[in-house]
Each structure stands twice: as structure tokens, then as C-alpha cells.
Amino acid sequence: MKTAIITSHDLCTLRVGPENDARIVGAGGAALLGEPLLGLVASRECPGNVLLATLERVPQWVKAGRVIVSGFHSPLEQQVLRSLLRRNGHAVKVLARCFSASGYRLAKEEQDAFANGRLLIISAFGADTPRVTRVSAIKRNELVIALSTEVVTPFISKGSPLDELLAKHKA
């Protein structure tokens, strides 16, 4: 897997600001960043009926050609990614840790999508963040929201850091 700087000054600077623009690195289908991105964020704890209702929306998103951007970290987000990739959908996966092509192992379901340019994996974290932390997860979700033209929030736990982040974003 080849690491590349995924930024283009006109696109990333507009979406995430110049302070983050220079730090975003990744590999995969870089052209996906040029599409309108549908952000997906959800809390770890999620009722089953919300999970099922969200999974029912995935075929519609794929049919409409939507590119989903998410950390794909919570159980709901992980299920959406699996469903999306099985249906030949497109995704931008935002890591909450540093990205290094030699240190990132594609999951089996990610391999075909990555090889065919339907998956882009990016990170805005340097080598000083080798693992996901609470702080890096919040910053990752901030980046997901910044990259998104629209955000879907199937379930957010009241009072959670994600709830606070979304309240701040709406304000």
C-alpha cells in the first residue's frame, strides 16, 4: 500500500481549514474526496432497532452514489461499512491514529474496495498518535464532520463527547 498526501489545497482547505490540510495523509481512492460526502457518526451503544433502520438505508445510499465518510469505529458504523462494501459502495475511512501504509492492515472486506478505488483511508494524526485515544477519537469525528456535506447521526448517547461535539457543530 502506497502512502500519499491526499490534500489538494482548494478542496481540503475549504473543508477542514488550512491547519489540518497539510496533515491529512492516506491511501486509496483519492478522487472520493472530490465527491459530496455523507458523514456518519454514531455512539458505541446503540439499540438494535436503530442499527437495523440504518442498515436499511445503505442500499439507498449506494444506489444514489453517496460516498460515506466515517471513522467506522462504533459497532453501527462498522456494520454500515461492511454492508456498504458488499454492495460496491464508496467510503472514506478516517482513522483516529496515525496512518502508515506499512502499519495499516486492510480488513478482508476492505481489500477489493481499496484495490478498485472505492475506499480511501485517511488520517490527520502523526506518529505521536500510534493508537486510538479518547481525544483522537473526538478529533477524528471533528474531521468527519468537517469533510461532510451532510451528517447522519442514527444514535447519539445523551451527554457523550459525541453529543457535545454535535451540539458545538450545530451552534
N, C-alpha and C. Protein backbone atom coordinates (compact mmCIF):
# COMPACT_ATOMS: atom_id res chain seq x y z
N MET A 1 0.85 -1.16 0.00
CA MET A 1 0.00 0.00 0.00
C MET A 1 0.90 1.23 0.00
N LYS A 2 0.64 2.13 -0.87
CA LYS A 2 1.45 3.33 -1.01
C LYS A 2 0.82 4.50 -0.26
N THR A 3 1.59 5.16 0.59
CA THR A 3 1.09 6.33 1.31
C THR A 3 1.19 7.55 0.41
N ALA A 4 0.18 8.38 0.46
CA ALA A 4 0.20 9.59 -0.35
C ALA A 4 -0.39 10.73 0.44
N ILE A 5 0.08 11.92 0.14
CA ILE A 5 -0.57 13.11 0.70
C ILE A 5 -1.86 13.27 -0.09
N ILE A 6 -2.97 13.28 0.56
CA ILE A 6 -4.27 13.27 -0.09
C ILE A 6 -4.82 14.68 -0.28
N THR A 7 -4.11 15.66 0.14
CA THR A 7 -4.66 17.01 0.09
C THR A 7 -4.62 17.61 -1.30
N SER A 8 -5.56 18.45 -1.55
CA SER A 8 -5.48 19.37 -2.68
C SER A 8 -5.86 20.70 -2.05
N HIS A 9 -5.06 21.69 -2.22
CA HIS A 9 -5.22 22.94 -1.49
C HIS A 9 -6.64 23.48 -1.59
N ASP A 10 -7.22 23.46 -2.77
CA ASP A 10 -8.55 24.04 -2.93
C ASP A 10 -9.64 23.23 -2.25
N LEU A 11 -9.54 21.92 -2.19
CA LEU A 11 -10.59 21.09 -1.60
C LEU A 11 -10.46 20.97 -0.09
N CYS A 12 -9.35 20.43 0.38
CA CYS A 12 -9.22 20.18 1.82
C CYS A 12 -9.19 21.46 2.63
N THR A 13 -8.57 22.50 2.12
CA THR A 13 -8.52 23.74 2.87
C THR A 13 -9.93 24.29 3.06
N LEU A 14 -10.75 24.21 2.03
CA LEU A 14 -12.12 24.69 2.16
C LEU A 14 -12.91 23.86 3.16
N ARG A 15 -12.68 22.56 3.17
CA ARG A 15 -13.48 21.69 4.02
C ARG A 15 -12.99 21.62 5.46
N VAL A 16 -11.68 21.54 5.67
CA VAL A 16 -11.18 21.31 7.02
C VAL A 16 -10.28 22.41 7.56
N GLY A 17 -9.99 23.40 6.76
CA GLY A 17 -9.17 24.52 7.23
C GLY A 17 -7.70 24.27 6.97
N PRO A 18 -6.93 25.33 6.81
CA PRO A 18 -5.53 25.20 6.45
C PRO A 18 -4.68 24.50 7.51
N GLU A 19 -5.07 24.57 8.79
CA GLU A 19 -4.27 23.94 9.84
C GLU A 19 -4.31 22.42 9.74
N ASN A 20 -5.38 21.83 9.21
CA ASN A 20 -5.48 20.38 9.05
C ASN A 20 -5.09 19.93 7.66
N ASP A 21 -5.20 20.80 6.69
CA ASP A 21 -4.97 20.46 5.29
C ASP A 21 -3.62 19.79 5.08
N ALA A 22 -2.59 20.33 5.67
CA ALA A 22 -1.24 19.82 5.42
C ALA A 22 -0.97 18.50 6.12
N ARG A 23 -1.83 18.10 7.05
CA ARG A 23 -1.57 16.89 7.82
C ARG A 23 -2.33 15.67 7.34
N ILE A 24 -3.27 15.80 6.46
CA ILE A 24 -4.07 14.65 6.05
C ILE A 24 -3.27 13.80 5.07
N VAL A 25 -3.07 12.54 5.47
CA VAL A 25 -2.38 11.58 4.60
C VAL A 25 -3.24 10.33 4.50
N GLY A 26 -2.99 9.54 3.49
CA GLY A 26 -3.74 8.31 3.35
C GLY A 26 -3.43 7.61 2.06
N ALA A 27 -4.26 6.65 1.74
CA ALA A 27 -4.08 5.86 0.52
C ALA A 27 -5.44 5.36 0.06
N GLY A 28 -5.52 5.09 -1.23
CA GLY A 28 -6.76 4.55 -1.79
C GLY A 28 -7.33 5.50 -2.83
N GLY A 29 -8.63 5.49 -2.95
CA GLY A 29 -9.33 6.26 -3.96
C GLY A 29 -9.41 7.73 -3.62
N ALA A 30 -8.33 8.47 -3.87
CA ALA A 30 -8.25 9.89 -3.51
C ALA A 30 -9.35 10.72 -4.19
N ALA A 31 -9.83 10.29 -5.34
CA ALA A 31 -10.88 11.03 -6.05
C ALA A 31 -12.16 11.11 -5.23
N LEU A 32 -12.33 10.23 -4.26
CA LEU A 32 -13.55 10.25 -3.44
C LEU A 32 -13.68 11.54 -2.65
N LEU A 33 -12.56 12.19 -2.33
CA LEU A 33 -12.63 13.45 -1.59
C LEU A 33 -13.26 14.57 -2.41
N GLY A 34 -13.33 14.39 -3.71
CA GLY A 34 -13.94 15.39 -4.57
C GLY A 34 -15.45 15.28 -4.64
N GLU A 35 -16.01 14.23 -4.07
CA GLU A 35 -17.46 13.99 -4.08
C GLU A 35 -18.12 14.63 -2.86
N PRO A 36 -19.42 14.92 -2.93
CA PRO A 36 -20.14 15.33 -1.72
C PRO A 36 -20.14 14.14 -0.75
N LEU A 37 -19.70 14.34 0.46
CA LEU A 37 -19.55 13.25 1.42
C LEU A 37 -20.68 13.25 2.44
N LEU A 38 -21.25 12.07 2.66
CA LEU A 38 -22.29 11.88 3.66
C LEU A 38 -21.61 11.36 4.92
N GLY A 39 -21.54 12.21 5.95
CA GLY A 39 -20.89 11.83 7.20
C GLY A 39 -21.79 10.92 8.03
N LEU A 40 -21.18 9.92 8.65
CA LEU A 40 -21.90 9.01 9.53
C LEU A 40 -21.17 8.94 10.85
N VAL A 41 -21.84 9.35 11.92
CA VAL A 41 -21.28 9.23 13.27
C VAL A 41 -22.37 8.68 14.18
N ALA A 42 -21.94 7.77 15.07
CA ALA A 42 -22.89 7.15 15.99
C ALA A 42 -22.16 6.75 17.25
N SER A 43 -22.87 6.77 18.36
CA SER A 43 -22.30 6.34 19.63
C SER A 43 -22.08 4.83 19.63
N ARG A 44 -21.19 4.39 20.50
CA ARG A 44 -20.89 2.95 20.61
C ARG A 44 -22.11 2.15 21.00
N GLU A 45 -22.83 2.65 22.00
CA GLU A 45 -24.05 1.98 22.46
C GLU A 45 -25.18 2.38 21.52
N CYS A 46 -25.89 1.38 21.01
CA CYS A 46 -26.95 1.69 20.04
C CYS A 46 -28.02 0.60 20.10
N PRO A 47 -29.29 0.99 20.18
CA PRO A 47 -30.36 -0.01 20.18
C PRO A 47 -30.41 -0.77 18.85
N GLY A 48 -30.82 -2.01 18.91
CA GLY A 48 -30.89 -2.86 17.72
C GLY A 48 -31.80 -2.31 16.64
N ASN A 49 -32.93 -1.71 17.03
CA ASN A 49 -33.85 -1.19 16.02
C ASN A 49 -33.23 -0.03 15.24
N VAL A 50 -32.36 0.75 15.87
CA VAL A 50 -31.68 1.85 15.18
C VAL A 50 -30.65 1.28 14.21
N LEU A 51 -29.93 0.26 14.64
CA LEU A 51 -28.96 -0.41 13.77
C LEU A 51 -29.66 -0.94 12.52
N LEU A 52 -30.75 -1.66 12.70
CA LEU A 52 -31.47 -2.23 11.56
C LEU A 52 -32.01 -1.15 10.63
N ALA A 53 -32.57 -0.09 11.20
CA ALA A 53 -33.11 1.01 10.38
C ALA A 53 -31.99 1.67 9.57
N THR A 54 -30.82 1.80 10.18
CA THR A 54 -29.69 2.42 9.48
C THR A 54 -29.20 1.51 8.36
N LEU A 55 -29.10 0.22 8.63
CA LEU A 55 -28.66 -0.73 7.60
C LEU A 55 -29.63 -0.77 6.43
N GLU A 56 -30.90 -0.53 6.68
CA GLU A 56 -31.89 -0.49 5.60
C GLU A 56 -31.66 0.71 4.68
N ARG A 57 -30.99 1.73 5.15
CA ARG A 57 -30.72 2.92 4.33
C ARG A 57 -29.51 2.74 3.42
N VAL A 58 -28.64 1.80 3.74
CA VAL A 58 -27.40 1.62 2.97
C VAL A 58 -27.67 1.36 1.48
N PRO A 59 -28.58 0.45 1.11
CA PRO A 59 -28.82 0.26 -0.34
C PRO A 59 -29.25 1.54 -1.05
N GLN A 60 -30.02 2.38 -0.36
CA GLN A 60 -30.44 3.66 -0.96
C GLN A 60 -29.23 4.56 -1.19
N TRP A 61 -28.33 4.60 -0.21
CA TRP A 61 -27.13 5.43 -0.34
C TRP A 61 -26.26 4.94 -1.50
N VAL A 62 -26.11 3.62 -1.61
CA VAL A 62 -25.29 3.06 -2.69
C VAL A 62 -25.93 3.37 -4.03
N LYS A 63 -27.23 3.14 -4.14
CA LYS A 63 -27.95 3.40 -5.40
C LYS A 63 -27.83 4.86 -5.81
N ALA A 64 -27.85 5.77 -4.82
CA ALA A 64 -27.74 7.20 -5.11
C ALA A 64 -26.29 7.64 -5.36
N GLY A 65 -25.35 6.71 -5.21
CA GLY A 65 -23.93 7.04 -5.45
C GLY A 65 -23.29 7.83 -4.33
N ARG A 66 -23.87 7.80 -3.13
CA ARG A 66 -23.33 8.55 -2.00
C ARG A 66 -22.00 7.95 -1.55
N VAL A 67 -21.08 8.81 -1.20
CA VAL A 67 -19.80 8.40 -0.60
C VAL A 67 -19.93 8.67 0.90
N ILE A 68 -19.76 7.62 1.69
CA ILE A 68 -19.93 7.73 3.14
C ILE A 68 -18.56 7.97 3.77
N VAL A 69 -18.48 8.99 4.61
CA VAL A 69 -17.26 9.27 5.36
C VAL A 69 -17.55 9.04 6.84
N SER A 70 -16.66 8.29 7.49
CA SER A 70 -16.87 7.95 8.89
C SER A 70 -15.56 7.39 9.44
N GLY A 71 -15.52 7.29 10.76
CA GLY A 71 -14.40 6.58 11.37
C GLY A 71 -14.63 5.08 11.29
N PHE A 72 -15.89 4.69 11.06
CA PHE A 72 -16.29 3.28 11.01
C PHE A 72 -15.74 2.54 12.21
N HIS A 73 -15.91 3.17 13.38
CA HIS A 73 -15.35 2.63 14.62
C HIS A 73 -16.42 2.01 15.53
N SER A 74 -17.55 2.67 15.71
CA SER A 74 -18.60 2.12 16.57
C SER A 74 -19.19 0.89 15.89
N PRO A 75 -19.83 0.00 16.66
CA PRO A 75 -20.43 -1.19 16.04
C PRO A 75 -21.40 -0.86 14.89
N LEU A 76 -22.23 0.17 15.05
CA LEU A 76 -23.15 0.56 13.98
C LEU A 76 -22.35 0.99 12.74
N GLU A 77 -21.35 1.83 12.93
CA GLU A 77 -20.54 2.30 11.81
C GLU A 77 -19.83 1.14 11.11
N GLN A 78 -19.34 0.17 11.88
CA GLN A 78 -18.67 -0.99 11.30
C GLN A 78 -19.64 -1.81 10.44
N GLN A 79 -20.85 -2.01 10.93
CA GLN A 79 -21.85 -2.75 10.16
C GLN A 79 -22.21 -2.02 8.87
N VAL A 80 -22.30 -0.70 8.95
CA VAL A 80 -22.59 0.09 7.75
C VAL A 80 -21.47 -0.08 6.73
N LEU A 81 -20.22 -0.04 7.18
CA LEU A 81 -19.10 -0.21 6.25
C LEU A 81 -19.16 -1.58 5.57
N ARG A 82 -19.39 -2.63 6.34
CA ARG A 82 -19.48 -3.97 5.75
C ARG A 82 -20.59 -4.04 4.70
N SER A 83 -21.76 -3.51 5.05
CA SER A 83 -22.89 -3.52 4.13
C SER A 83 -22.59 -2.69 2.89
N LEU A 84 -22.01 -1.54 3.09
CA LEU A 84 -21.65 -0.63 2.00
C LEU A 84 -20.69 -1.30 1.02
N LEU A 85 -19.64 -1.91 1.54
CA LEU A 85 -18.64 -2.52 0.68
C LEU A 85 -19.17 -3.77 -0.02
N ARG A 86 -20.04 -4.53 0.65
CA ARG A 86 -20.66 -5.70 -0.01
C ARG A 86 -21.50 -5.27 -1.21
N ARG A 87 -22.04 -4.07 -1.15
CA ARG A 87 -22.90 -3.56 -2.22
C ARG A 87 -22.12 -2.71 -3.23
N ASN A 88 -20.81 -2.75 -3.17
CA ASN A 88 -19.94 -1.98 -4.08
C ASN A 88 -20.10 -0.48 -3.91
N GLY A 89 -20.39 -0.06 -2.68
CA GLY A 89 -20.48 1.36 -2.38
C GLY A 89 -19.10 1.98 -2.19
N HIS A 90 -19.09 3.27 -1.90
CA HIS A 90 -17.85 4.04 -1.76
C HIS A 90 -17.74 4.61 -0.36
N ALA A 91 -16.51 4.61 0.19
CA ALA A 91 -16.32 5.07 1.56
C ALA A 91 -14.98 5.76 1.75
N VAL A 92 -14.98 6.72 2.66
CA VAL A 92 -13.75 7.35 3.15
C VAL A 92 -13.67 6.99 4.63
N LYS A 93 -12.66 6.24 4.99
CA LYS A 93 -12.47 5.80 6.37
C LYS A 93 -11.44 6.72 7.03
N VAL A 94 -11.86 7.39 8.09
CA VAL A 94 -10.99 8.35 8.79
C VAL A 94 -10.48 7.68 10.06
N LEU A 95 -9.18 7.53 10.16
CA LEU A 95 -8.57 6.88 11.32
C LEU A 95 -8.39 7.87 12.46
N ALA A 96 -8.42 7.36 13.69
CA ALA A 96 -8.18 8.18 14.88
C ALA A 96 -6.79 7.91 15.42
N ARG A 97 -5.88 7.59 14.55
CA ARG A 97 -4.48 7.33 14.89
C ARG A 97 -3.66 7.63 13.64
N CYS A 98 -2.35 7.53 13.76
CA CYS A 98 -1.52 7.82 12.60
C CYS A 98 -1.75 6.77 11.53
N PHE A 99 -1.53 7.16 10.30
CA PHE A 99 -1.64 6.24 9.18
C PHE A 99 -0.25 5.99 8.65
N SER A 100 0.09 4.73 8.54
CA SER A 100 1.30 4.36 7.82
C SER A 100 0.92 3.17 6.97
N ALA A 101 1.27 3.24 5.70
CA ALA A 101 0.88 2.19 4.76
C ALA A 101 1.40 0.84 5.21
N SER A 102 2.57 0.81 5.80
CA SER A 102 3.14 -0.47 6.22
C SER A 102 2.50 -0.97 7.51
N GLY A 103 1.89 -0.06 8.31
CA GLY A 103 1.31 -0.45 9.58
C GLY A 103 -0.18 -0.65 9.56
N TYR A 104 -0.84 -0.32 8.45
CA TYR A 104 -2.29 -0.49 8.37
C TYR A 104 -2.60 -1.77 7.60
N ARG A 105 -3.36 -2.62 8.21
CA ARG A 105 -3.77 -3.87 7.55
C ARG A 105 -5.23 -3.75 7.13
N LEU A 106 -5.45 -3.89 5.85
CA LEU A 106 -6.82 -3.85 5.34
C LEU A 106 -7.58 -5.08 5.84
N ALA A 107 -8.79 -4.86 6.32
CA ALA A 107 -9.67 -5.98 6.66
C ALA A 107 -10.04 -6.69 5.35
N LYS A 108 -10.39 -7.94 5.45
CA LYS A 108 -10.70 -8.72 4.25
C LYS A 108 -11.75 -8.02 3.38
N GLU A 109 -12.81 -7.49 4.02
CA GLU A 109 -13.88 -6.86 3.24
C GLU A 109 -13.45 -5.52 2.63
N GLU A 110 -12.33 -4.96 3.10
CA GLU A 110 -11.84 -3.68 2.57
C GLU A 110 -10.93 -3.86 1.35
N GLN A 111 -10.35 -5.02 1.18
CA GLN A 111 -9.31 -5.22 0.17
C GLN A 111 -9.76 -4.93 -1.26
N ASP A 112 -10.89 -5.50 -1.67
CA ASP A 112 -11.37 -5.30 -3.03
C ASP A 112 -11.74 -3.84 -3.28
N ALA A 113 -12.45 -3.24 -2.32
CA ALA A 113 -12.86 -1.85 -2.46
C ALA A 113 -11.64 -0.93 -2.56
N PHE A 114 -10.61 -1.22 -1.76
CA PHE A 114 -9.39 -0.42 -1.79
C PHE A 114 -8.70 -0.56 -3.15
N ALA A 115 -8.58 -1.78 -3.62
CA ALA A 115 -7.90 -2.03 -4.90
C ALA A 115 -8.64 -1.38 -6.07
N ASN A 116 -9.96 -1.26 -5.96
CA ASN A 116 -10.76 -0.69 -7.05
C ASN A 116 -11.08 0.79 -6.88
N GLY A 117 -10.46 1.45 -5.91
CA GLY A 117 -10.65 2.89 -5.74
C GLY A 117 -11.97 3.27 -5.10
N ARG A 118 -12.66 2.31 -4.47
CA ARG A 118 -13.93 2.61 -3.82
C ARG A 118 -13.75 2.91 -2.33
N LEU A 119 -12.51 2.80 -1.85
CA LEU A 119 -12.22 3.06 -0.44
C LEU A 119 -10.97 3.94 -0.34
N LEU A 120 -11.10 4.98 0.44
CA LEU A 120 -9.98 5.86 0.77
C LEU A 120 -9.81 5.81 2.27
N ILE A 121 -8.57 5.63 2.73
CA ILE A 121 -8.27 5.61 4.15
C ILE A 121 -7.38 6.80 4.43
N ILE A 122 -7.81 7.66 5.38
CA ILE A 122 -7.06 8.87 5.67
C ILE A 122 -6.87 9.05 7.18
N SER A 123 -5.90 9.90 7.51
CA SER A 123 -5.67 10.27 8.90
C SER A 123 -5.05 11.66 8.94
N ALA A 124 -5.34 12.37 10.02
CA ALA A 124 -4.73 13.68 10.24
C ALA A 124 -3.79 13.62 11.43
N PHE A 125 -3.40 12.40 11.85
CA PHE A 125 -2.55 12.22 13.02
C PHE A 125 -1.15 11.80 12.62
N GLY A 126 -0.18 12.30 13.38
CA GLY A 126 1.21 11.96 13.14
C GLY A 126 1.64 10.75 13.95
N ALA A 127 2.91 10.47 13.88
CA ALA A 127 3.49 9.29 14.55
C ALA A 127 3.34 9.36 16.07
N ASP A 128 3.06 10.55 16.61
CA ASP A 128 2.88 10.67 18.06
C ASP A 128 1.51 10.14 18.53
N THR A 129 0.68 9.66 17.59
CA THR A 129 -0.61 9.07 17.95
C THR A 129 -0.71 7.68 17.30
N PRO A 130 0.01 6.70 17.86
CA PRO A 130 0.01 5.37 17.25
C PRO A 130 -1.24 4.55 17.53
N ARG A 131 -1.99 4.94 18.58
CA ARG A 131 -3.21 4.22 18.96
C ARG A 131 -4.38 5.19 19.12
N VAL A 132 -5.57 4.64 19.03
CA VAL A 132 -6.78 5.45 19.22
C VAL A 132 -6.89 5.80 20.70
N THR A 133 -7.14 7.07 20.95
CA THR A 133 -7.39 7.55 22.31
C THR A 133 -8.74 8.26 22.31
N ARG A 134 -9.21 8.59 23.48
CA ARG A 134 -10.48 9.33 23.59
C ARG A 134 -10.37 10.67 22.85
N VAL A 135 -9.25 11.36 23.05
CA VAL A 135 -9.02 12.66 22.40
C VAL A 135 -8.92 12.50 20.89
N SER A 136 -8.18 11.49 20.42
CA SER A 136 -8.03 11.32 18.97
C SER A 136 -9.36 10.91 18.33
N ALA A 137 -10.18 10.16 19.06
CA ALA A 137 -11.49 9.77 18.53
C ALA A 137 -12.38 11.01 18.35
N ILE A 138 -12.33 11.93 19.28
CA ILE A 138 -13.10 13.17 19.16
C ILE A 138 -12.60 13.99 17.98
N LYS A 139 -11.28 14.11 17.86
CA LYS A 139 -10.72 14.87 16.74
C LYS A 139 -11.03 14.20 15.41
N ARG A 140 -11.03 12.87 15.39
CA ARG A 140 -11.40 12.14 14.17
C ARG A 140 -12.83 12.48 13.78
N ASN A 141 -13.74 12.49 14.76
CA ASN A 141 -15.14 12.81 14.47
C ASN A 141 -15.30 14.26 14.02
N GLU A 142 -14.47 15.16 14.55
CA GLU A 142 -14.47 16.55 14.07
C GLU A 142 -14.10 16.60 12.60
N LEU A 143 -13.10 15.80 12.21
CA LEU A 143 -12.67 15.76 10.81
C LEU A 143 -13.77 15.17 9.93
N VAL A 144 -14.42 14.11 10.39
CA VAL A 144 -15.53 13.52 9.64
C VAL A 144 -16.60 14.59 9.37
N ILE A 145 -16.96 15.33 10.40
CA ILE A 145 -17.98 16.38 10.25
C ILE A 145 -17.50 17.48 9.31
N ALA A 146 -16.23 17.86 9.43
CA ALA A 146 -15.69 18.92 8.57
C ALA A 146 -15.68 18.51 7.10
N LEU A 147 -15.43 17.25 6.83
CA LEU A 147 -15.39 16.77 5.45
C LEU A 147 -16.78 16.56 4.85
N SER A 148 -17.78 16.46 5.70
CA SER A 148 -19.13 16.10 5.26
C SER A 148 -19.91 17.28 4.70
N THR A 149 -20.68 17.00 3.66
CA THR A 149 -21.63 17.99 3.17
C THR A 149 -22.97 17.81 3.87
N GLU A 150 -23.17 16.64 4.46
CA GLU A 150 -24.38 16.30 5.22
C GLU A 150 -23.95 15.26 6.26
N VAL A 151 -24.54 15.30 7.45
CA VAL A 151 -24.18 14.36 8.51
C VAL A 151 -25.41 13.58 8.96
N VAL A 152 -25.26 12.25 9.06
CA VAL A 152 -26.30 11.37 9.56
C VAL A 152 -25.86 10.89 10.94
N THR A 153 -26.75 11.01 11.92
CA THR A 153 -26.46 10.60 13.29
C THR A 153 -27.55 9.65 13.77
N PRO A 154 -27.45 8.37 13.44
CA PRO A 154 -28.53 7.43 13.80
C PRO A 154 -28.79 7.34 15.30
N PHE A 155 -27.73 7.38 16.11
CA PHE A 155 -27.92 7.30 17.56
C PHE A 155 -26.75 7.97 18.26
N ILE A 156 -27.06 8.91 19.14
CA ILE A 156 -26.06 9.61 19.93
C ILE A 156 -26.45 9.52 21.39
N SER A 157 -25.57 8.99 22.23
CA SER A 157 -25.85 8.90 23.67
C SER A 157 -25.85 10.29 24.27
N LYS A 158 -26.90 10.60 25.04
CA LYS A 158 -27.01 11.92 25.67
C LYS A 158 -25.82 12.16 26.60
N GLY A 159 -25.24 13.35 26.49
CA GLY A 159 -24.13 13.73 27.35
C GLY A 159 -22.78 13.14 26.96
N SER A 160 -22.74 12.37 25.89
CA SER A 160 -21.47 11.77 25.45
C SER A 160 -20.60 12.84 24.78
N PRO A 161 -19.30 12.57 24.64
CA PRO A 161 -18.43 13.52 23.92
C PRO A 161 -18.94 13.78 22.50
N LEU A 162 -19.51 12.76 21.86
CA LEU A 162 -20.05 12.95 20.51
C LEU A 162 -21.27 13.87 20.54
N ASP A 163 -22.10 13.74 21.55
CA ASP A 163 -23.25 14.62 21.73
C ASP A 163 -22.79 16.07 21.87
N GLU A 164 -21.77 16.28 22.68
CA GLU A 164 -21.22 17.63 22.88
C GLU A 164 -20.62 18.18 21.60
N LEU A 165 -19.92 17.32 20.85
CA LEU A 165 -19.32 17.74 19.59
C LEU A 165 -20.38 18.17 18.59
N LEU A 166 -21.44 17.40 18.48
CA LEU A 166 -22.51 17.74 17.55
C LEU A 166 -23.25 19.01 17.97
N ALA A 167 -23.42 19.22 19.26
CA ALA A 167 -24.05 20.45 19.76
C ALA A 167 -23.19 21.66 19.38
N LYS A 168 -21.89 21.50 19.55
CA LYS A 168 -20.95 22.57 19.18
C LYS A 168 -20.99 22.83 17.68
N HIS A 169 -21.08 21.77 16.91
CA HIS A 169 -21.12 21.90 15.44
C HIS A 169 -22.38 22.60 14.99
N LYS A 170 -23.52 22.27 15.61
CA LYS A 170 -24.79 22.90 15.23
C LYS A 170 -24.79 24.39 15.57
N ALA A 171 -24.11 24.74 16.67
CA ALA A 171 -24.06 26.14 17.08
C ALA A 171 -23.14 26.89 16.14
